[in-house]
Amino acid sequence: MAKSYAEAMAAVEGARELVLGSFNVYATRTAQRTNDTMKVLTLVTVLLLPGSLIAGLLGMNVIVPLDKDNPLSFWMVIAGVGLLAILILTIARRRGWM
C-alpha cells in the first residue's frame, strides 16, 4: 500500500508540474502579445504626437512665418509632418525598435 501511495503522489506531482508548465507557457505568450501591442501603440503615438503639436501650434491665433491665406502653407505643413514621421521611423528602425 505504501508503494501505491508513493506512485500516486508521484503521478500527482507530475501532473502538477505539467499544469504549471502549461500555465507558464500561456502567460509568456500572453505577455508577448501584450508587448507587441504596446510596441505598435507606442510607435503610433510617437508618429502622431509631433504632427499634433505642430498642428496645435499653427492653429493658435498668432502670427506665424507661414502665410495663413496661402493654400500652399497647408501642404507645406503636411509635408513637414510627413518628413518628421519618416525621420522617426528611420531612427526607430536603426535602433531596432521595429
PDB file of N, CA and C in Angstrom:
ATOM      1  N   MET A   1       0.813  -1.187   0.000  1.00  0.00           N
ATOM      2  CA  MET A   1       0.000   0.000   0.000  1.00  0.00           C
ATOM      3  C   MET A   1       0.861   1.258   0.000  1.00  0.00           C
ATOM      4  N   ALA A   2       2.014   1.223   0.658  1.00  0.00           N
ATOM      5  CA  ALA A   2       2.909   2.379   0.692  1.00  0.00           C
ATOM      6  C   ALA A   2       3.449   2.657  -0.704  1.00  0.00           C
ATOM      7  N   LYS A   3       3.646   1.573  -1.452  1.00  0.00           N
ATOM      8  CA  LYS A   3       4.148   1.752  -2.807  1.00  0.00           C
ATOM      9  C   LYS A   3       3.086   2.431  -3.690  1.00  0.00           C
ATOM     10  N   SER A   4       1.841   2.082  -3.541  1.00  0.00           N
ATOM     11  CA  SER A   4       0.753   2.696  -4.310  1.00  0.00           C
ATOM     12  C   SER A   4       0.618   4.169  -3.967  1.00  0.00           C
ATOM     13  N   TYR A   5       0.782   4.466  -2.673  1.00  0.00           N
ATOM     14  CA  TYR A   5       0.703   5.859  -2.239  1.00  0.00           C
ATOM     15  C   TYR A   5       1.835   6.684  -2.860  1.00  0.00           C
ATOM     16  N   ALA A   6       3.027   6.149  -2.858  1.00  0.00           N
ATOM     17  CA  ALA A   6       4.179   6.851  -3.432  1.00  0.00           C
ATOM     18  C   ALA A   6       3.990   7.049  -4.934  1.00  0.00           C
ATOM     19  N   GLU A   7       3.462   6.022  -5.614  1.00  0.00           N
ATOM     20  CA  GLU A   7       3.215   6.158  -7.052  1.00  0.00           C
ATOM     21  C   GLU A   7       2.133   7.197  -7.336  1.00  0.00           C
ATOM     22  N   ALA A   8       1.100   7.213  -6.514  1.00  0.00           N
ATOM     23  CA  ALA A   8       0.019   8.182  -6.684  1.00  0.00           C
ATOM     24  C   ALA A   8       0.537   9.601  -6.453  1.00  0.00           C
ATOM     25  N   MET A   9       1.349   9.776  -5.446  1.00  0.00           N
ATOM     26  CA  MET A   9       1.918  11.098  -5.160  1.00  0.00           C
ATOM     27  C   MET A   9       2.842  11.549  -6.289  1.00  0.00           C
ATOM     28  N   ALA A  10       3.612  10.624  -6.831  1.00  0.00           N
ATOM     29  CA  ALA A  10       4.495  10.950  -7.948  1.00  0.00           C
ATOM     30  C   ALA A  10       3.673  11.352  -9.174  1.00  0.00           C
ATOM     31  N   ALA A  11       2.566  10.662  -9.413  1.00  0.00           N
ATOM     32  CA  ALA A  11       1.696  10.997 -10.543  1.00  0.00           C
ATOM     33  C   ALA A  11       1.063  12.374 -10.340  1.00  0.00           C
ATOM     34  N   VAL A  12       0.647  12.646  -9.110  1.00  0.00           N
ATOM     35  CA  VAL A  12       0.051  13.957  -8.817  1.00  0.00           C
ATOM     36  C   VAL A  12       1.091  15.062  -8.989  1.00  0.00           C
ATOM     37  N   GLU A  13       2.288  14.842  -8.511  1.00  0.00           N
ATOM     38  CA  GLU A  13       3.354  15.839  -8.678  1.00  0.00           C
ATOM     39  C   GLU A  13       3.689  16.052 -10.150  1.00  0.00           C
ATOM     40  N   GLY A  14       3.715  14.980 -10.919  1.00  0.00           N
ATOM     41  CA  GLY A  14       3.971  15.092 -12.350  1.00  0.00           C
ATOM     42  C   GLY A  14       2.880  15.895 -13.046  1.00  0.00           C
ATOM     43  N   ALA A  15       1.626  15.618 -12.691  1.00  0.00           N
ATOM     44  CA  ALA A  15       0.510  16.359 -13.277  1.00  0.00           C
ATOM     45  C   ALA A  15       0.582  17.827 -12.871  1.00  0.00           C
ATOM     46  N   ARG A  16       0.948  18.073 -11.632  1.00  0.00           N
ATOM     47  CA  ARG A  16       1.076  19.452 -11.148  1.00  0.00           C
ATOM     48  C   ARG A  16       2.139  20.207 -11.935  1.00  0.00           C
ATOM     49  N   GLU A  17       3.265  19.564 -12.167  1.00  0.00           N
ATOM     50  CA  GLU A  17       4.337  20.199 -12.941  1.00  0.00           C
ATOM     51  C   GLU A  17       3.898  20.476 -14.379  1.00  0.00           C
ATOM     52  N   LEU A  18       3.130  19.550 -14.963  1.00  0.00           N
ATOM     53  CA  LEU A  18       2.634  19.761 -16.320  1.00  0.00           C
ATOM     54  C   LEU A  18       1.674  20.950 -16.379  1.00  0.00           C
ATOM     55  N   VAL A  19       0.792  21.058 -15.404  1.00  0.00           N
ATOM     56  CA  VAL A  19      -0.164  22.168 -15.374  1.00  0.00           C
ATOM     57  C   VAL A  19       0.575  23.494 -15.184  1.00  0.00           C
ATOM     58  N   LEU A  20       1.528  23.517 -14.254  1.00  0.00           N
ATOM     59  CA  LEU A  20       2.294  24.743 -14.025  1.00  0.00           C
ATOM     60  C   LEU A  20       3.108  25.131 -15.262  1.00  0.00           C
ATOM     61  N   GLY A  21       3.689  24.155 -15.928  1.00  0.00           N
ATOM     62  CA  GLY A  21       4.446  24.434 -17.150  1.00  0.00           C
ATOM     63  C   GLY A  21       3.549  24.979 -18.249  1.00  0.00           C
ATOM     64  N   SER A  22       2.374  24.398 -18.406  1.00  0.00           N
ATOM     65  CA  SER A  22       1.426  24.884 -19.410  1.00  0.00           C
ATOM     66  C   SER A  22       0.984  26.304 -19.096  1.00  0.00           C
ATOM     67  N   PHE A  23       0.746  26.586 -17.825  1.00  0.00           N
ATOM     68  CA  PHE A  23       0.341  27.936 -17.435  1.00  0.00           C
ATOM     69  C   PHE A  23       1.471  28.932 -17.709  1.00  0.00           C
ATOM     70  N   ASN A  24       2.698  28.545 -17.444  1.00  0.00           N
ATOM     71  CA  ASN A  24       3.835  29.438 -17.712  1.00  0.00           C
ATOM     72  C   ASN A  24       3.966  29.736 -19.207  1.00  0.00           C
ATOM     73  N   VAL A  25       3.746  28.731 -20.044  1.00  0.00           N
ATOM     74  CA  VAL A  25       3.797  28.946 -21.495  1.00  0.00           C
ATOM     75  C   VAL A  25       2.677  29.903 -21.914  1.00  0.00           C
ATOM     76  N   TYR A  26       1.477  29.691 -21.382  1.00  0.00           N
ATOM     77  CA  TYR A  26       0.336  30.560 -21.698  1.00  0.00           C
ATOM     78  C   TYR A  26       0.611  31.997 -21.250  1.00  0.00           C
ATOM     79  N   ALA A  27       1.121  32.169 -20.039  1.00  0.00           N
ATOM     80  CA  ALA A  27       1.405  33.509 -19.516  1.00  0.00           C
ATOM     81  C   ALA A  27       2.484  34.199 -20.351  1.00  0.00           C
ATOM     82  N   THR A  28       3.482  33.458 -20.780  1.00  0.00           N
ATOM     83  CA  THR A  28       4.551  34.031 -21.594  1.00  0.00           C
ATOM     84  C   THR A  28       4.028  34.469 -22.956  1.00  0.00           C
ATOM     85  N   ARG A  29       3.183  33.655 -23.578  1.00  0.00           N
ATOM     86  CA  ARG A  29       2.611  34.020 -24.887  1.00  0.00           C
ATOM     87  C   ARG A  29       1.698  35.233 -24.759  1.00  0.00           C
ATOM     88  N   THR A  30       0.925  35.298 -23.685  1.00  0.00           N
ATOM     89  CA  THR A  30       0.056  36.451 -23.462  1.00  0.00           C
ATOM     90  C   THR A  30       0.885  37.708 -23.247  1.00  0.00           C
ATOM     91  N   ALA A  31       1.954  37.610 -22.487  1.00  0.00           N
ATOM     92  CA  ALA A  31       2.831  38.759 -22.253  1.00  0.00           C
ATOM     93  C   ALA A  31       3.483  39.209 -23.556  1.00  0.00           C
ATOM     94  N   GLN A  32       3.865  38.285 -24.421  1.00  0.00           N
ATOM     95  CA  GLN A  32       4.473  38.644 -25.704  1.00  0.00           C
ATOM     96  C   GLN A  32       3.482  39.379 -26.594  1.00  0.00           C
ATOM     97  N   ARG A  33       2.233  38.898 -26.632  1.00  0.00           N
ATOM     98  CA  ARG A  33       1.209  39.594 -27.429  1.00  0.00           C
ATOM     99  C   ARG A  33       0.964  40.997 -26.883  1.00  0.00           C
ATOM    100  N   THR A  34       0.945  41.123 -25.566  1.00  0.00           N
ATOM    101  CA  THR A  34       0.761  42.438 -24.949  1.00  0.00           C
ATOM    102  C   THR A  34       1.918  43.357 -25.302  1.00  0.00           C
ATOM    103  N   ASN A  35       3.130  42.841 -25.255  1.00  0.00           N
ATOM    104  CA  ASN A  35       4.308  43.647 -25.611  1.00  0.00           C
ATOM    105  C   ASN A  35       4.249  44.086 -27.071  1.00  0.00           C
ATOM    106  N   ASP A  36       3.838  43.197 -27.964  1.00  0.00           N
ATOM    107  CA  ASP A  36       3.730  43.562 -29.377  1.00  0.00           C
ATOM    108  C   ASP A  36       2.687  44.650 -29.583  1.00  0.00           C
ATOM    109  N   THR A  37       1.561  44.529 -28.895  1.00  0.00           N
ATOM    110  CA  THR A  37       0.510  45.544 -28.999  1.00  0.00           C
ATOM    111  C   THR A  37       0.997  46.884 -28.466  1.00  0.00           C
ATOM    112  N   MET A  38       1.682  46.869 -27.346  1.00  0.00           N
ATOM    113  CA  MET A  38       2.185  48.114 -26.770  1.00  0.00           C
ATOM    114  C   MET A  38       3.230  48.759 -27.675  1.00  0.00           C
ATOM    115  N   LYS A  39       4.028  47.941 -28.361  1.00  0.00           N
ATOM    116  CA  LYS A  39       5.029  48.482 -29.279  1.00  0.00           C
ATOM    117  C   LYS A  39       4.351  49.229 -30.422  1.00  0.00           C
ATOM    118  N   VAL A  40       3.287  48.650 -30.970  1.00  0.00           N
ATOM    119  CA  VAL A  40       2.561  49.296 -32.059  1.00  0.00           C
ATOM    120  C   VAL A  40       1.913  50.593 -31.572  1.00  0.00           C
ATOM    121  N   LEU A  41       1.258  50.547 -30.404  1.00  0.00           N
ATOM    122  CA  LEU A  41       0.621  51.749 -29.861  1.00  0.00           C
ATOM    123  C   LEU A  41       1.637  52.851 -29.577  1.00  0.00           C
ATOM    124  N   THR A  42       2.785  52.481 -29.069  1.00  0.00           N
ATOM    125  CA  THR A  42       3.830  53.470 -28.793  1.00  0.00           C
ATOM    126  C   THR A  42       4.327  54.097 -30.083  1.00  0.00           C
ATOM    127  N   LEU A  43       4.537  53.289 -31.104  1.00  0.00           N
ATOM    128  CA  LEU A  43       5.014  53.813 -32.382  1.00  0.00           C
ATOM    129  C   LEU A  43       3.987  54.754 -33.004  1.00  0.00           C
ATOM    130  N   VAL A  44       2.715  54.379 -32.947  1.00  0.00           N
ATOM    131  CA  VAL A  44       1.669  55.246 -33.487  1.00  0.00           C
ATOM    132  C   VAL A  44       1.633  56.566 -32.732  1.00  0.00           C
ATOM    133  N   THR A  45       1.776  56.503 -31.413  1.00  0.00           N
ATOM    134  CA  THR A  45       1.782  57.724 -30.606  1.00  0.00           C
ATOM    135  C   THR A  45       2.971  58.606 -30.964  1.00  0.00           C
ATOM    136  N   VAL A  46       4.132  57.995 -31.104  1.00  0.00           N
ATOM    137  CA  VAL A  46       5.336  58.767 -31.436  1.00  0.00           C
ATOM    138  C   VAL A  46       5.208  59.384 -32.822  1.00  0.00           C
ATOM    139  N   LEU A  47       4.551  58.693 -33.749  1.00  0.00           N
ATOM    140  CA  LEU A  47       4.382  59.241 -35.097  1.00  0.00           C
ATOM    141  C   LEU A  47       3.383  60.394 -35.123  1.00  0.00           C
ATOM    142  N   LEU A  48       2.319  60.293 -34.349  1.00  0.00           N
ATOM    143  CA  LEU A  48       1.264  61.306 -34.409  1.00  0.00           C
ATOM    144  C   LEU A  48       1.492  62.492 -33.483  1.00  0.00           C
ATOM    145  N   LEU A  49       2.254  62.320 -32.425  1.00  0.00           N
ATOM    146  CA  LEU A  49       2.438  63.397 -31.459  1.00  0.00           C
ATOM    147  C   LEU A  49       3.109  64.636 -32.059  1.00  0.00           C
ATOM    148  N   PRO A  50       4.203  64.518 -32.816  1.00  0.00           N
ATOM    149  CA  PRO A  50       4.803  65.736 -33.388  1.00  0.00           C
ATOM    150  C   PRO A  50       3.855  66.470 -34.335  1.00  0.00           C
ATOM    151  N   GLY A  51       3.115  65.721 -35.137  1.00  0.00           N
ATOM    152  CA  GLY A  51       2.158  66.353 -36.039  1.00  0.00           C
ATOM    153  C   GLY A  51       1.056  67.074 -35.284  1.00  0.00           C
ATOM    154  N   SER A  52       0.590  66.467 -34.199  1.00  0.00           N
ATOM    155  CA  SER A  52      -0.436  67.115 -33.368  1.00  0.00           C
ATOM    156  C   SER A  52       0.106  68.386 -32.741  1.00  0.00           C
ATOM    157  N   LEU A  53       1.342  68.346 -32.293  1.00  0.00           N
ATOM    158  CA  LEU A  53       1.963  69.530 -31.701  1.00  0.00           C
ATOM    159  C   LEU A  53       2.088  70.647 -32.738  1.00  0.00           C
ATOM    160  N   ILE A  54       2.556  70.303 -33.918  1.00  0.00           N
ATOM    161  CA  ILE A  54       2.714  71.308 -34.967  1.00  0.00           C
ATOM    162  C   ILE A  54       1.354  71.882 -35.359  1.00  0.00           C
ATOM    163  N   ALA A  55       0.351  71.010 -35.521  1.00  0.00           N
ATOM    164  CA  ALA A  55      -0.982  71.494 -35.883  1.00  0.00           C
ATOM    165  C   ALA A  55      -1.552  72.382 -34.785  1.00  0.00           C
ATOM    166  N   GLY A  56      -1.313  72.029 -33.539  1.00  0.00           N
ATOM    167  CA  GLY A  56      -1.783  72.863 -32.435  1.00  0.00           C
ATOM    168  C   GLY A  56      -1.103  74.217 -32.403  1.00  0.00           C
ATOM    169  N   LEU A  57       0.199  74.211 -32.638  1.00  0.00           N
ATOM    170  CA  LEU A  57       0.923  75.484 -32.648  1.00  0.00           C
ATOM    171  C   LEU A  57       0.505  76.365 -33.817  1.00  0.00           C
ATOM    172  N   LEU A  58       0.318  75.753 -34.986  1.00  0.00           N
ATOM    173  CA  LEU A  58      -0.077  76.537 -36.150  1.00  0.00           C
ATOM    174  C   LEU A  58      -1.542  76.964 -36.087  1.00  0.00           C
ATOM    175  N   GLY A  59      -2.330  76.300 -35.260  1.00  0.00           N
ATOM    176  CA  GLY A  59      -3.732  76.662 -35.120  1.00  0.00           C
ATOM    177  C   GLY A  59      -3.963  77.799 -34.147  1.00  0.00           C
ATOM    178  N   MET A  60      -2.913  78.242 -33.452  1.00  0.00           N
ATOM    179  CA  MET A  60      -3.070  79.340 -32.492  1.00  0.00           C
ATOM    180  C   MET A  60      -3.247  80.664 -33.238  1.00  0.00           C
ATOM    181  N   ASN A  61      -3.885  81.599 -32.600  1.00  0.00           N
ATOM    182  CA  ASN A  61      -4.136  82.903 -33.219  1.00  0.00           C
ATOM    183  C   ASN A  61      -2.960  83.847 -32.990  1.00  0.00           C
ATOM    184  N   VAL A  62      -1.835  83.490 -33.559  1.00  0.00           N
ATOM    185  CA  VAL A  62      -0.646  84.332 -33.508  1.00  0.00           C
ATOM    186  C   VAL A  62      -0.070  84.412 -34.914  1.00  0.00           C
ATOM    187  N   ILE A  63       0.809  85.332 -35.122  1.00  0.00           N
ATOM    188  CA  ILE A  63       1.443  85.469 -36.434  1.00  0.00           C
ATOM    189  C   ILE A  63       2.516  84.383 -36.551  1.00  0.00           C
ATOM    190  N   VAL A  64       2.430  83.600 -37.612  1.00  0.00           N
ATOM    191  CA  VAL A  64       3.396  82.525 -37.857  1.00  0.00           C
ATOM    192  C   VAL A  64       4.165  82.848 -39.131  1.00  0.00           C
ATOM    193  N   PRO A  65       5.308  82.200 -39.329  1.00  0.00           N
ATOM    194  CA  PRO A  65       6.095  82.501 -40.528  1.00  0.00           C
ATOM    195  C   PRO A  65       5.400  82.112 -41.830  1.00  0.00           C
ATOM    196  N   LEU A  66       4.401  81.234 -41.777  1.00  0.00           N
ATOM    197  CA  LEU A  66       3.702  80.832 -42.998  1.00  0.00           C
ATOM    198  C   LEU A  66       2.492  81.736 -43.218  1.00  0.00           C
ATOM    199  N   ASP A  67       2.215  82.022 -44.456  1.00  0.00           N
ATOM    200  CA  ASP A  67       1.064  82.850 -44.800  1.00  0.00           C
ATOM    201  C   ASP A  67      -0.204  82.030 -44.624  1.00  0.00           C
ATOM    202  N   LYS A  68      -1.090  82.440 -43.720  1.00  0.00           N
ATOM    203  CA  LYS A  68      -2.285  81.647 -43.431  1.00  0.00           C
ATOM    204  C   LYS A  68      -3.326  81.723 -44.534  1.00  0.00           C
ATOM    205  N   ASP A  69      -3.228  82.655 -45.438  1.00  0.00           N
ATOM    206  CA  ASP A  69      -4.186  82.768 -46.533  1.00  0.00           C
ATOM    207  C   ASP A  69      -3.734  82.032 -47.793  1.00  0.00           C
ATOM    208  N   ASN A  70      -2.536  81.524 -47.787  1.00  0.00           N
ATOM    209  CA  ASN A  70      -1.999  80.816 -48.951  1.00  0.00           C
ATOM    210  C   ASN A  70      -2.264  79.316 -48.792  1.00  0.00           C
ATOM    211  N   PRO A  71      -2.966  78.677 -49.738  1.00  0.00           N
ATOM    212  CA  PRO A  71      -3.236  77.233 -49.628  1.00  0.00           C
ATOM    213  C   PRO A  71      -1.960  76.389 -49.631  1.00  0.00           C
ATOM    214  N   LEU A  72      -0.887  76.915 -50.187  1.00  0.00           N
ATOM    215  CA  LEU A  72       0.373  76.178 -50.211  1.00  0.00           C
ATOM    216  C   LEU A  72       0.915  75.967 -48.794  1.00  0.00           C
ATOM    217  N   SER A  73       0.593  76.859 -47.874  1.00  0.00           N
ATOM    218  CA  SER A  73       1.057  76.723 -46.487  1.00  0.00           C
ATOM    219  C   SER A  73       0.560  75.426 -45.868  1.00  0.00           C
ATOM    220  N   PHE A  74      -0.688  75.067 -46.155  1.00  0.00           N
ATOM    221  CA  PHE A  74      -1.250  73.814 -45.638  1.00  0.00           C
ATOM    222  C   PHE A  74      -0.416  72.633 -46.107  1.00  0.00           C
ATOM    223  N   TRP A  75      -0.099  72.600 -47.385  1.00  0.00           N
ATOM    224  CA  TRP A  75       0.666  71.475 -47.920  1.00  0.00           C
ATOM    225  C   TRP A  75       2.100  71.472 -47.408  1.00  0.00           C
ATOM    226  N   MET A  76       2.645  72.629 -47.111  1.00  0.00           N
ATOM    227  CA  MET A  76       3.984  72.688 -46.517  1.00  0.00           C
ATOM    228  C   MET A  76       3.971  72.083 -45.118  1.00  0.00           C
ATOM    229  N   VAL A  77       2.927  72.359 -44.353  1.00  0.00           N
ATOM    230  CA  VAL A  77       2.810  71.780 -43.011  1.00  0.00           C
ATOM    231  C   VAL A  77       2.634  70.270 -43.104  1.00  0.00           C
ATOM    232  N   ILE A  78       1.784  69.809 -44.019  1.00  0.00           N
ATOM    233  CA  ILE A  78       1.580  68.364 -44.206  1.00  0.00           C
ATOM    234  C   ILE A  78       2.892  67.695 -44.599  1.00  0.00           C
ATOM    235  N   ALA A  79       3.646  68.310 -45.494  1.00  0.00           N
ATOM    236  CA  ALA A  79       4.940  67.752 -45.905  1.00  0.00           C
ATOM    237  C   ALA A  79       5.908  67.707 -44.725  1.00  0.00           C
ATOM    238  N   GLY A  80       5.910  68.749 -43.902  1.00  0.00           N
ATOM    239  CA  GLY A  80       6.782  68.768 -42.726  1.00  0.00           C
ATOM    240  C   GLY A  80       6.444  67.659 -41.742  1.00  0.00           C
ATOM    241  N   VAL A  81       5.151  67.458 -41.510  1.00  0.00           N
ATOM    242  CA  VAL A  81       4.723  66.384 -40.601  1.00  0.00           C
ATOM    243  C   VAL A  81       5.096  65.026 -41.190  1.00  0.00           C
ATOM    244  N   GLY A  82       4.911  64.845 -42.497  1.00  0.00           N
ATOM    245  CA  GLY A  82       5.286  63.584 -43.144  1.00  0.00           C
ATOM    246  C   GLY A  82       6.784  63.315 -43.066  1.00  0.00           C
ATOM    247  N   LEU A  83       7.580  64.350 -43.312  1.00  0.00           N
ATOM    248  CA  LEU A  83       9.040  64.183 -43.209  1.00  0.00           C
ATOM    249  C   LEU A  83       9.462  63.852 -41.783  1.00  0.00           C
ATOM    250  N   LEU A  84       8.813  64.479 -40.820  1.00  0.00           N
ATOM    251  CA  LEU A  84       9.121  64.180 -39.418  1.00  0.00           C
ATOM    252  C   LEU A  84       8.770  62.731 -39.077  1.00  0.00           C
ATOM    253  N   ALA A  85       7.643  62.250 -39.586  1.00  0.00           N
ATOM    254  CA  ALA A  85       7.248  60.856 -39.357  1.00  0.00           C
ATOM    255  C   ALA A  85       8.252  59.896 -39.998  1.00  0.00           C
ATOM    256  N   ILE A  86       8.706  60.204 -41.191  1.00  0.00           N
ATOM    257  CA  ILE A  86       9.701  59.353 -41.865  1.00  0.00           C
ATOM    258  C   ILE A  86      11.010  59.344 -41.077  1.00  0.00           C
ATOM    259  N   LEU A  87      11.409  60.495 -40.571  1.00  0.00           N
ATOM    260  CA  LEU A  87      12.624  60.578 -39.750  1.00  0.00           C
ATOM    261  C   LEU A  87      12.495  59.716 -38.494  1.00  0.00           C
ATOM    262  N   ILE A  88      11.345  59.782 -37.838  1.00  0.00           N
ATOM    263  CA  ILE A  88      11.119  58.988 -36.623  1.00  0.00           C
ATOM    264  C   ILE A  88      11.147  57.497 -36.956  1.00  0.00           C
ATOM    265  N   LEU A  89      10.515  57.101 -38.052  1.00  0.00           N
ATOM    266  CA  LEU A  89      10.532  55.689 -38.455  1.00  0.00           C
ATOM    267  C   LEU A  89      11.944  55.216 -38.770  1.00  0.00           C
ATOM    268  N   THR A  90      12.731  56.060 -39.428  1.00  0.00           N
ATOM    269  CA  THR A  90      14.118  55.697 -39.746  1.00  0.00           C
ATOM    270  C   THR A  90      14.933  55.490 -38.478  1.00  0.00           C
ATOM    271  N   ILE A  91      14.795  56.402 -37.542  1.00  0.00           N
ATOM    272  CA  ILE A  91      15.521  56.273 -36.274  1.00  0.00           C
ATOM    273  C   ILE A  91      15.084  55.024 -35.533  1.00  0.00           C
ATOM    274  N   ALA A  92      13.775  54.750 -35.521  1.00  0.00           N
ATOM    275  CA  ALA A  92      13.258  53.563 -34.831  1.00  0.00           C
ATOM    276  C   ALA A  92      13.803  52.282 -35.449  1.00  0.00           C
ATOM    277  N   ARG A  93      13.874  52.247 -36.770  1.00  0.00           N
ATOM    278  CA  ARG A  93      14.424  51.044 -37.428  1.00  0.00           C
ATOM    279  C   ARG A  93      15.916  50.873 -37.127  1.00  0.00           C
ATOM    280  N   ARG A  94      16.664  51.952 -37.165  1.00  0.00           N
ATOM    281  CA  ARG A  94      18.120  51.857 -36.903  1.00  0.00           C
ATOM    282  C   ARG A  94      18.422  51.418 -35.486  1.00  0.00           C
ATOM    283  N   ARG A  95      17.579  51.818 -34.548  1.00  0.00           N
ATOM    284  CA  ARG A  95      17.806  51.423 -33.154  1.00  0.00           C
ATOM    285  C   ARG A  95      17.210  50.060 -32.825  1.00  0.00           C
ATOM    286  N   GLY A  96      16.537  49.446 -33.786  1.00  0.00           N
ATOM    287  CA  GLY A  96      15.986  48.121 -33.578  1.00  0.00           C
ATOM    288  C   GLY A  96      14.673  48.110 -32.802  1.00  0.00           C
ATOM    289  N   TRP A  97      13.963  49.209 -32.802  1.00  0.00           N
ATOM    290  CA  TRP A  97      12.685  49.278 -32.077  1.00  0.00           C
ATOM    291  C   TRP A  97      11.557  48.668 -32.892  1.00  0.00           C
ATOM    292  N   MET A  98      11.797  48.462 -34.177  1.00  0.00           N
ATOM    293  CA  MET A  98      10.766  47.894 -35.045  1.00  0.00           C
ATOM    294  C   MET A  98      11.280  46.631 -35.694  1.00  0.00           C
TER     295      MET A  98
END
